[in-house]
Every structure is written in structure tokens, then in C-alpha cells.
Amino acid sequence: MSGLVAYCRPGFESDCAAELQEKAAVLGSFGYCQTKAQQGYVIYRCAAEEAEHLAKKLALSELIFSRQFMAILAEIDDLPSEDRVTPLQLALLDEQVTENFAGVKPAGDLRVETPDTNAGKELTKFCRKFTVPLRQGLRKAGWMTPQVSDRRPTLHAFFISNQHVILGFSFSFNQSPWLMGIPRLRMPSDAPSRSTLKLDEAFQVFIPAHEREERVQSGMNAVDLGAAPGGWTYQLVRRGMMVQAVDNGPMAESLMDTGQVKHIREDGFRYRPKKKNVTWLVCDMVEKPSRVGELMTSWILEGDCKEAIFNLKLPMKRRYAAVAEYLAQMKETLSTEGRGRFELQAKQLYHDREEITVHLRWL
């Protein structure tokens, strides 16, 4: 049986599976999930035609706990160490694979990946070395275009171990732009805290590259609620924004020295800007997620900002169900009290821990 493989954060397999099951059912697919704690991926089993349908229609941008997913072409669990390319060529040249996925061949690119686990990290050096010979072998087999093409599907070789690999594909219009769905960000040496990487990643995940210049501009006004010591404020400042940093705690002196930050010692739940000229609101407060969601929704509804990025801390159990409830409440409020169409996106980012990051704006 074919299906999908969804990459996720280790420890969140059950949440990823619950979300896949629910979203696939909405699209008319009724498969089942195979999960194992801490393995960093989920397999959703279904028929081959359903897998290709889901690869097209199940929007990755709307999945919270999946970083990347691929439709399964073949699975091999006894790869010989002396020649791994030939068995993969033969698996893709299998008559059933060729017949079921005729529209996928040839693929325009290749990604050799692993789960985001300690065992997976031990395979990364091998994967880097193996990418070139595998690409050459797949081109000889007619499974890849002579040159990289973003108009064709992408092949994935997902190595669970040296001997166990799942071959699959994703469509260029419905995939993460990064290997394993993980943007590789460098920690700035002068940032006040590692939380800065969350907002850096959020801007890259939620704002399409061709829109960033317009929507994230130097000179914009921004508010950071719960700002201290300034990890998120740092990302706003480095993009040239003027920031109102709201927190009773101290801010990093390096940020205050830029002249772009006004430190407002006030409760983030009570503060509102005096002027309606704020483009970006960001918030990473450790508070009840329902309370944070209500606060962010009210800022948008009342016109106190145009776009918001914020974190919602997750409960210990039934995390996906709880997240779905928070987001549903926000959507209902915006739909009944709002003034038009809105965009609400949520993702468990690579740099998140027991939380998800949400982006909200009017369209």
C-alpha cells in the first residue's frame, strides 16, 4: 500500500497523525496512520491514487505539525552497503510504480533526507555524499530531468537507516523550500536570546519571498509584547523597524543603543498604541494560549496592527485538539466581528518547542 510520509518534530507524532487523518478525511481519503514515539515522522497509509491526490490537494501551508510531506513511491528496507543506487533505480522502474505514478516521471529535483532525530543526524554526512551519485543514477534511469526544474515534482529519498529508505515525491507548488522542511538559520552573535530564531523563521515561513520586500520594510512601526530581553525585538530592529518594546523587565542595552526601540514598562495585556500606525505586532508571552489568541484577535479587529505573529504555548495532552479549538475560536470571532477576509496560518516551527507560531492578517 502507498501513502504519505509527513516529517514532524520528534515527540509530536500523535499530533501530526491526528491532523493528517482529519485533513485527509475532509478530502475524501480514509486511510490510517502508522506512528512511533520520537521517530520524527508519520506514515499515512492509503491507495496510490489517493496519495497523489493528497500530494496535490492537502496544502502543506495549512498543516500545523507537518514540516514537509511526500507521497510514497517505493520502500526498501534491505539496501546493500556496496551498491545503494541500483536497488533504488530498480524500485522506481518497477512496472507498478511506473503505472501508478506516470505523471511524476521525470522529476525535476532530488532531496536526500533523514528524520530530525539523533539517529537521523548521524546519517546526514552520508546523505550529502550520496546525493550526487543517486541523482546521476536516477537521470540514467529516466527518472530525473537533465537539469534541475522547478516545474516538475521533486523526488525524496528519506533514509530511516543505512539500509531502510522510503522513496517519494512532492509537487513544487506544495512543498517546503528547505531540505527536511527545516530552514538553516545562523544564531546572531549579538542577539539577546535564542528565541530570536523563532521570529526569523516565522518571517521566512509565513511571508512569501516575493512579498517580503513590500510587507517587511525598513521604517515600519512595530510592537513587541512581552519583549524582554529583546530576542524578537532584535529581528524587527535588524529589518529597520521602529519598535515599541512592551515589558516590565529589562531590555538589552545593545537594542536600546540603536535608537529604534522605545521601552514601555507596562503589562502587555493592557497596552495599546496611541496611533493606528503599527504594521507588525509580535508576541511571545508565556500565557494561556486562549488568552493570547483573544488578545491578538482584538488588536487586529480594532485596527491596532495590520499583521501579527505570535506564539501559543501547547498543553501537555491532546495538543492538536486544543490547537484546533484555539484557532477555530479566533476564526469565528474574526468572521462574525470582522470587516472582510483574513489569513490565519499556524505552524510548529523548527525553532519552536512546546508551542506553535501563528500569523494573522487582513487580506
Protein backbone atom coordinates (compact mmCIF):
# COMPACT_ATOMS: atom_id res chain seq x y z
CA MET A 1 0.00 0.00 0.00
CA SER A 2 1.16 3.51 -0.78
CA GLY A 3 0.56 6.65 1.26
CA LEU A 4 2.26 9.76 2.60
CA VAL A 5 5.24 10.38 4.85
CA ALA A 6 4.99 13.56 6.93
CA TYR A 7 8.10 14.91 8.68
CA CYS A 8 7.49 16.34 12.16
CA ARG A 9 9.20 17.31 15.38
CA PRO A 10 10.11 14.20 17.45
CA GLY A 11 7.57 13.76 20.21
CA PHE A 12 4.71 15.22 18.19
CA GLU A 13 3.94 12.19 16.02
CA SER A 14 0.47 11.67 17.50
CA ASP A 15 -0.46 15.31 16.87
CA CYS A 16 0.85 15.14 13.31
CA ALA A 17 -1.10 11.91 12.75
CA ALA A 18 -4.36 13.30 14.18
CA GLU A 19 -4.10 16.32 11.92
CA LEU A 20 -3.28 14.24 8.83
CA GLN A 21 -6.16 11.89 9.49
CA GLU A 22 -8.64 14.74 9.89
CA LYS A 23 -7.47 16.80 6.90
CA ALA A 24 -7.24 13.76 4.60
CA ALA A 25 -10.79 12.72 5.52
CA VAL A 26 -12.05 16.16 4.51
CA LEU A 27 -10.52 15.48 1.07
CA GLY A 28 -12.25 12.11 0.84
CA SER A 29 -9.35 9.87 1.85
CA PHE A 30 -9.87 7.40 4.68
CA GLY A 31 -6.54 5.77 5.35
CA TYR A 32 -4.77 5.10 8.63
CA CYS A 33 -1.62 6.36 10.33
CA GLN A 34 1.43 4.42 11.48
CA THR A 35 3.32 6.20 14.25
CA LYS A 36 6.08 5.52 16.71
CA ALA A 37 7.07 7.89 19.50
CA GLN A 38 10.17 10.05 18.90
CA GLN A 39 10.75 8.80 15.34
CA GLY A 40 10.24 12.25 13.76
CA TYR A 41 7.80 11.21 11.03
CA VAL A 42 4.35 9.74 10.44
CA ILE A 43 3.21 7.37 7.68
CA TYR A 44 -0.36 7.77 6.41
CA ARG A 45 -1.34 4.63 4.51
CA CYS A 46 -3.77 4.86 1.60
CA ALA A 47 -4.10 3.80 -2.04
CA ALA A 48 -1.62 5.13 -4.62
CA GLU A 49 -4.19 7.31 -6.43
CA GLU A 50 -5.25 8.83 -3.11
CA ALA A 51 -1.63 9.54 -2.18
CA GLU A 52 -1.06 11.51 -5.39
CA HIS A 53 -4.37 13.34 -4.87
CA LEU A 54 -3.35 14.31 -1.33
CA ALA A 55 0.11 15.40 -2.51
CA LYS A 56 -1.68 17.95 -4.71
CA LYS A 57 -4.65 18.99 -2.60
CA LEU A 58 -3.54 18.65 1.02
CA ALA A 59 -1.98 22.10 1.46
CA LEU A 60 1.26 21.90 3.42
CA SER A 61 0.83 25.54 4.44
CA GLU A 62 -2.36 24.57 6.28
CA LEU A 63 -0.77 21.72 8.25
CA ILE A 64 0.47 22.75 11.69
CA PHE A 65 2.61 19.79 12.72
CA SER A 66 3.99 18.65 9.32
CA ARG A 67 7.20 20.32 8.14
CA GLN A 68 7.18 18.52 4.80
CA PHE A 69 5.35 15.57 3.29
CA MET A 70 5.78 13.30 0.30
CA ALA A 71 3.71 10.68 -1.48
CA ILE A 72 5.33 7.23 -1.30
CA LEU A 73 6.68 5.65 -4.50
CA ALA A 74 8.57 2.71 -3.02
CA GLU A 75 10.07 1.46 0.24
CA ILE A 76 13.24 -0.61 0.61
CA ASP A 77 14.48 -1.94 3.94
CA ASP A 78 17.40 -4.13 2.84
CA LEU A 79 19.72 -1.83 0.88
CA PRO A 80 23.16 -3.40 0.34
CA SER A 81 26.05 -1.24 1.53
CA GLU A 82 28.17 -1.88 -1.57
CA ASP A 83 25.65 -0.50 -4.11
CA ARG A 84 22.67 1.54 -2.98
CA VAL A 85 21.93 3.29 -6.29
CA THR A 86 20.95 0.24 -8.35
CA PRO A 87 18.21 -1.02 -5.99
CA LEU A 88 16.68 2.46 -5.95
CA GLN A 89 16.76 2.62 -9.74
CA LEU A 90 15.08 -0.78 -9.97
CA ALA A 91 12.44 0.17 -7.39
CA LEU A 92 11.43 3.22 -9.43
CA LEU A 93 11.47 1.25 -12.68
CA ASP A 94 9.05 -1.30 -11.23
CA GLU A 95 6.05 -1.66 -13.52
CA GLN A 96 3.51 -0.89 -10.80
CA VAL A 97 5.32 2.29 -9.72
CA THR A 98 5.63 3.46 -13.32
CA GLU A 99 1.96 2.76 -13.96
CA ASN A 100 0.60 4.31 -10.76
CA PHE A 101 2.72 7.46 -10.95
CA ALA A 102 3.21 8.03 -14.66
CA GLY A 103 2.71 11.79 -14.31
CA VAL A 104 5.52 12.14 -11.78
CA LYS A 105 8.29 10.94 -14.09
CA PRO A 106 10.68 12.64 -14.74
CA ALA A 107 11.23 14.60 -11.53
CA GLY A 108 12.95 17.96 -11.63
CA ASP A 109 14.96 17.79 -8.40
CA LEU A 110 16.15 15.42 -5.67
CA ARG A 111 16.35 15.71 -1.89
CA VAL A 112 18.10 13.06 0.20
CA GLU A 113 16.79 13.44 3.73
CA THR A 114 16.52 11.87 7.19
CA PRO A 115 14.22 12.22 10.19
CA ASP A 116 15.12 15.06 12.57
CA THR A 117 16.41 12.69 15.26
CA ASN A 118 19.81 11.85 16.73
CA ALA A 119 19.92 8.71 14.57
CA GLY A 120 18.97 10.79 11.54
CA LYS A 121 21.71 13.34 12.23
CA GLU A 122 24.27 10.54 12.11
CA LEU A 123 23.17 9.87 8.51
CA THR A 124 23.45 13.47 7.26
CA LYS A 125 27.08 13.16 6.14
CA PHE A 126 26.23 10.02 4.16
CA CYS A 127 23.17 11.73 2.63
CA ARG A 128 25.23 14.67 1.40
CA LYS A 129 27.75 12.35 -0.25
CA PHE A 130 25.07 10.07 -1.69
CA THR A 131 23.02 12.84 -3.33
CA VAL A 132 25.26 13.26 -6.40
CA PRO A 133 25.61 9.56 -7.36
CA LEU A 134 21.91 8.97 -6.72
CA ARG A 135 20.95 11.94 -8.91
CA GLN A 136 23.19 10.63 -11.69
CA GLY A 137 21.72 7.14 -11.37
CA LEU A 138 18.14 8.40 -11.48
CA ARG A 139 18.88 10.50 -14.56
CA LYS A 140 20.24 7.39 -16.28
CA ALA A 141 17.03 5.59 -15.34
CA GLY A 142 14.96 8.39 -16.89
CA TRP A 143 13.50 9.41 -13.53
CA MET A 144 15.02 12.90 -13.46
CA THR A 145 15.33 15.76 -15.92
CA PRO A 146 18.85 16.53 -17.24
CA GLN A 147 18.76 19.88 -15.44
CA VAL A 148 17.03 20.94 -12.21
CA SER A 149 13.47 22.05 -12.96
CA ASP A 150 11.04 23.68 -10.53
CA ARG A 151 8.17 22.87 -12.88
CA ARG A 152 8.41 19.16 -12.20
CA PRO A 153 7.82 17.18 -8.98
CA THR A 154 10.67 16.72 -6.51
CA LEU A 155 11.95 13.23 -5.63
CA HIS A 156 12.70 12.48 -1.99
CA ALA A 157 14.92 9.69 -0.68
CA PHE A 158 14.05 9.54 3.02
CA PHE A 159 16.70 7.46 4.84
CA ILE A 160 15.49 5.97 8.11
CA SER A 161 18.74 3.98 8.38
CA ASN A 162 21.60 2.98 6.07
CA GLN A 163 19.52 0.05 4.83
CA HIS A 164 15.99 1.47 5.06
CA VAL A 165 14.83 4.19 2.65
CA ILE A 166 11.44 5.46 1.50
CA LEU A 167 11.28 6.97 -1.98
CA GLY A 168 8.60 9.57 -2.61
CA PHE A 169 7.71 12.80 -4.33
CA SER A 170 6.22 16.20 -3.65
CA PHE A 171 4.87 18.79 -6.04
CA SER A 172 6.81 22.04 -6.42
CA PHE A 173 3.69 24.10 -5.66
CA ASN A 174 3.01 22.23 -2.40
CA GLN A 175 6.29 21.65 -0.58
CA SER A 176 8.71 23.27 1.82
CA PRO A 177 11.54 25.13 0.07
CA TRP A 178 14.04 23.65 2.55
CA LEU A 179 15.67 20.24 2.89
CA MET A 180 13.69 18.26 5.50
CA GLY A 181 11.42 21.28 5.82
CA ILE A 182 14.00 22.98 8.07
CA PRO A 183 15.42 26.46 7.32
CA ARG A 184 19.07 26.59 8.38
CA LEU A 185 19.43 29.84 10.33
CA ARG A 186 22.55 31.17 11.97
CA MET A 187 22.28 32.43 15.54
CA PRO A 188 23.32 36.12 15.52
CA SER A 189 26.18 36.68 17.96
CA ASP A 190 24.68 39.96 19.23
CA ALA A 191 21.08 38.74 19.71
CA PRO A 192 19.85 38.88 23.33
CA SER A 193 18.36 35.36 23.32
CA ARG A 194 17.95 32.24 21.17
CA SER A 195 14.23 32.98 20.88
CA THR A 196 15.24 35.43 18.14
CA LEU A 197 15.42 32.49 15.70
CA LYS A 198 11.69 31.81 16.12
CA LEU A 199 10.69 35.16 14.65
CA ASP A 200 13.38 34.99 11.96
CA GLU A 201 11.99 31.61 10.88
CA ALA A 202 8.38 32.84 11.12
CA PHE A 203 9.03 35.68 8.67
CA GLN A 204 10.50 33.18 6.20
CA VAL A 205 7.72 30.60 6.63
CA PHE A 206 4.69 32.90 6.62
CA ILE A 207 5.76 35.69 4.23
CA PRO A 208 6.37 34.52 0.63
CA ALA A 209 9.79 35.57 -0.66
CA HIS A 210 8.31 37.73 -3.43
CA GLU A 211 6.22 39.68 -0.87
CA ARG A 212 8.81 40.27 1.87
CA GLU A 213 10.22 43.48 0.44
CA GLU A 214 6.76 45.04 0.46
CA ARG A 215 5.40 43.62 3.72
CA VAL A 216 8.55 43.73 5.90
CA GLN A 217 10.04 47.16 5.26
CA SER A 218 12.52 49.46 6.93
CA GLY A 219 10.73 52.35 8.63
CA MET A 220 7.63 50.38 9.60
CA ASN A 221 6.26 50.67 13.13
CA ALA A 222 6.11 47.51 15.23
CA VAL A 223 5.08 46.45 18.74
CA ASP A 224 6.65 43.58 20.68
CA LEU A 225 4.52 42.44 23.63
CA GLY A 226 6.47 40.68 26.37
CA ALA A 227 9.64 41.85 24.69
CA ALA A 228 12.37 41.47 27.36
CA PRO A 229 15.22 40.85 26.92
CA GLY A 230 14.64 41.53 23.21
CA GLY A 231 15.06 38.38 21.13
CA TRP A 232 12.07 39.19 18.91
CA THR A 233 12.69 42.94 19.02
CA TYR A 234 16.14 42.18 17.59
CA GLN A 235 14.61 40.75 14.39
CA LEU A 236 12.40 43.83 13.96
CA VAL A 237 15.33 46.19 14.52
CA ARG A 238 17.59 44.35 12.07
CA ARG A 239 14.87 44.83 9.44
CA GLY A 240 14.92 48.57 10.07
CA MET A 241 11.66 48.91 12.01
CA MET A 242 10.85 51.31 14.85
CA VAL A 243 9.78 49.18 17.81
CA GLN A 244 7.69 49.74 20.91
CA ALA A 245 9.01 47.05 23.26
CA VAL A 246 6.42 46.40 25.96
CA ASP A 247 7.63 44.60 29.09
CA ASN A 248 8.22 45.36 32.76
CA GLY A 249 11.54 43.52 32.51
CA PRO A 250 14.86 44.99 31.27
CA MET A 251 15.76 45.20 27.58
CA ALA A 252 19.23 44.51 26.18
CA GLU A 253 21.30 47.71 26.14
CA SER A 254 22.55 46.91 22.63
CA LEU A 255 18.99 47.24 21.33
CA MET A 256 18.31 50.45 23.22
CA ASP A 257 21.51 51.95 21.78
CA THR A 258 20.17 51.57 18.22
CA GLY A 259 17.69 54.41 18.73
CA GLN A 260 15.00 52.27 17.12
CA VAL A 261 13.48 50.92 20.35
CA LYS A 262 11.18 52.62 22.85
CA HIS A 263 10.93 50.57 26.04
CA ILE A 264 7.46 50.75 27.56
CA ARG A 265 7.25 49.29 31.07
CA GLU A 266 3.68 48.07 31.03
CA ASP A 267 1.57 44.90 31.11
CA GLY A 268 1.40 43.50 27.59
CA PHE A 269 -2.28 42.63 28.02
CA ARG A 270 -3.21 46.24 28.84
CA TYR A 271 -1.05 48.20 26.43
CA ARG A 272 -2.43 49.71 23.21
CA PRO A 273 -0.63 52.14 20.88
CA LYS A 274 -1.84 55.76 20.80
CA LYS A 275 -1.76 55.88 16.99
CA LYS A 276 -3.14 53.45 14.41
CA ASN A 277 0.16 53.29 12.54
CA VAL A 278 1.51 49.89 13.64
CA THR A 279 2.15 47.40 10.86
CA TRP A 280 3.58 44.49 12.85
CA LEU A 281 2.58 43.12 16.25
CA VAL A 282 4.68 40.27 17.65
CA CYS A 283 4.21 38.42 20.92
CA ASP A 284 5.98 35.55 22.68
CA MET A 285 4.47 35.74 26.17
CA VAL A 286 4.23 32.69 28.42
CA GLU A 287 0.48 32.82 28.99
CA LYS A 288 -2.62 30.74 28.45
CA PRO A 289 -2.95 30.28 24.67
CA SER A 290 -6.66 31.11 24.69
CA ARG A 291 -5.88 34.43 26.37
CA VAL A 292 -3.09 35.27 23.91
CA GLY A 293 -5.35 34.33 20.97
CA GLU A 294 -8.08 36.65 22.22
CA LEU A 295 -5.58 39.49 22.65
CA MET A 296 -4.14 39.12 19.15
CA THR A 297 -7.62 38.90 17.62
CA SER A 298 -8.69 42.11 19.36
CA TRP A 299 -5.61 44.00 18.10
CA ILE A 300 -6.45 43.01 14.52
CA LEU A 301 -10.19 43.69 14.88
CA GLU A 302 -9.64 47.12 16.38
CA GLY A 303 -7.11 48.15 13.75
CA ASP A 304 -4.19 48.46 16.17
CA CYS A 305 -1.95 46.49 13.77
CA LYS A 306 -2.06 45.12 10.24
CA GLU A 307 -0.27 41.82 10.77
CA ALA A 308 0.60 39.76 13.84
CA ILE A 309 2.98 36.89 14.59
CA PHE A 310 2.62 35.24 17.99
CA ASN A 311 3.26 32.01 19.85
CA LEU A 312 0.67 29.82 21.55
CA LYS A 313 2.04 27.54 24.27
CA LEU A 314 0.76 23.97 24.00
CA PRO A 315 -0.94 21.90 26.71
CA MET A 316 0.57 18.62 27.86
CA LYS A 317 -2.13 16.41 26.30
CA ARG A 318 -4.43 16.48 23.26
CA ARG A 319 -2.29 19.17 21.72
CA TYR A 320 -3.73 19.08 18.22
CA ALA A 321 -7.31 19.11 19.51
CA ALA A 322 -6.51 22.08 21.76
CA VAL A 323 -4.79 24.00 18.95
CA ALA A 324 -7.71 23.36 16.59
CA GLU A 325 -10.06 24.73 19.25
CA TYR A 326 -7.98 27.90 19.78
CA LEU A 327 -7.78 28.61 16.05
CA ALA A 328 -11.46 27.84 15.48
CA GLN A 329 -12.41 30.37 18.16
CA MET A 330 -10.22 33.03 16.54
CA LYS A 331 -11.70 32.33 13.11
CA GLU A 332 -15.25 32.53 14.47
CA THR A 333 -14.58 35.88 16.15
CA LEU A 334 -12.92 37.32 13.05
CA SER A 335 -15.72 36.05 10.81
CA THR A 336 -18.54 37.45 12.93
CA GLU A 337 -16.96 40.70 14.08
CA GLY A 338 -14.50 41.38 11.27
CA ARG A 339 -14.64 43.59 8.23
CA GLY A 340 -13.57 41.21 5.48
CA ARG A 341 -11.33 38.30 4.54
CA PHE A 342 -8.42 37.36 6.76
CA GLU A 343 -5.47 34.98 6.66
CA LEU A 344 -4.70 32.78 9.66
CA GLN A 345 -1.73 30.41 9.45
CA ALA A 346 -0.21 28.26 12.17
CA LYS A 347 2.93 26.12 12.23
CA GLN A 348 5.12 24.35 14.70
CA LEU A 349 8.39 25.84 13.53
CA TYR A 350 11.74 24.10 13.76
CA HIS A 351 12.84 26.56 16.48
CA ASP A 352 9.62 26.14 18.48
CA ARG A 353 9.45 23.76 21.40
CA GLU A 354 6.17 23.13 23.23
CA GLU A 355 4.38 25.78 21.19
CA ILE A 356 3.17 26.77 17.76
CA THR A 357 3.62 30.06 15.91
CA VAL A 358 0.65 31.82 14.35
CA HIS A 359 0.40 34.53 11.69
CA LEU A 360 -2.72 36.66 11.32
CA ARG A 361 -3.60 39.50 8.94
CA TRP A 362 -6.42 41.08 6.98
CA LEU A 363 -6.33 40.38 3.25
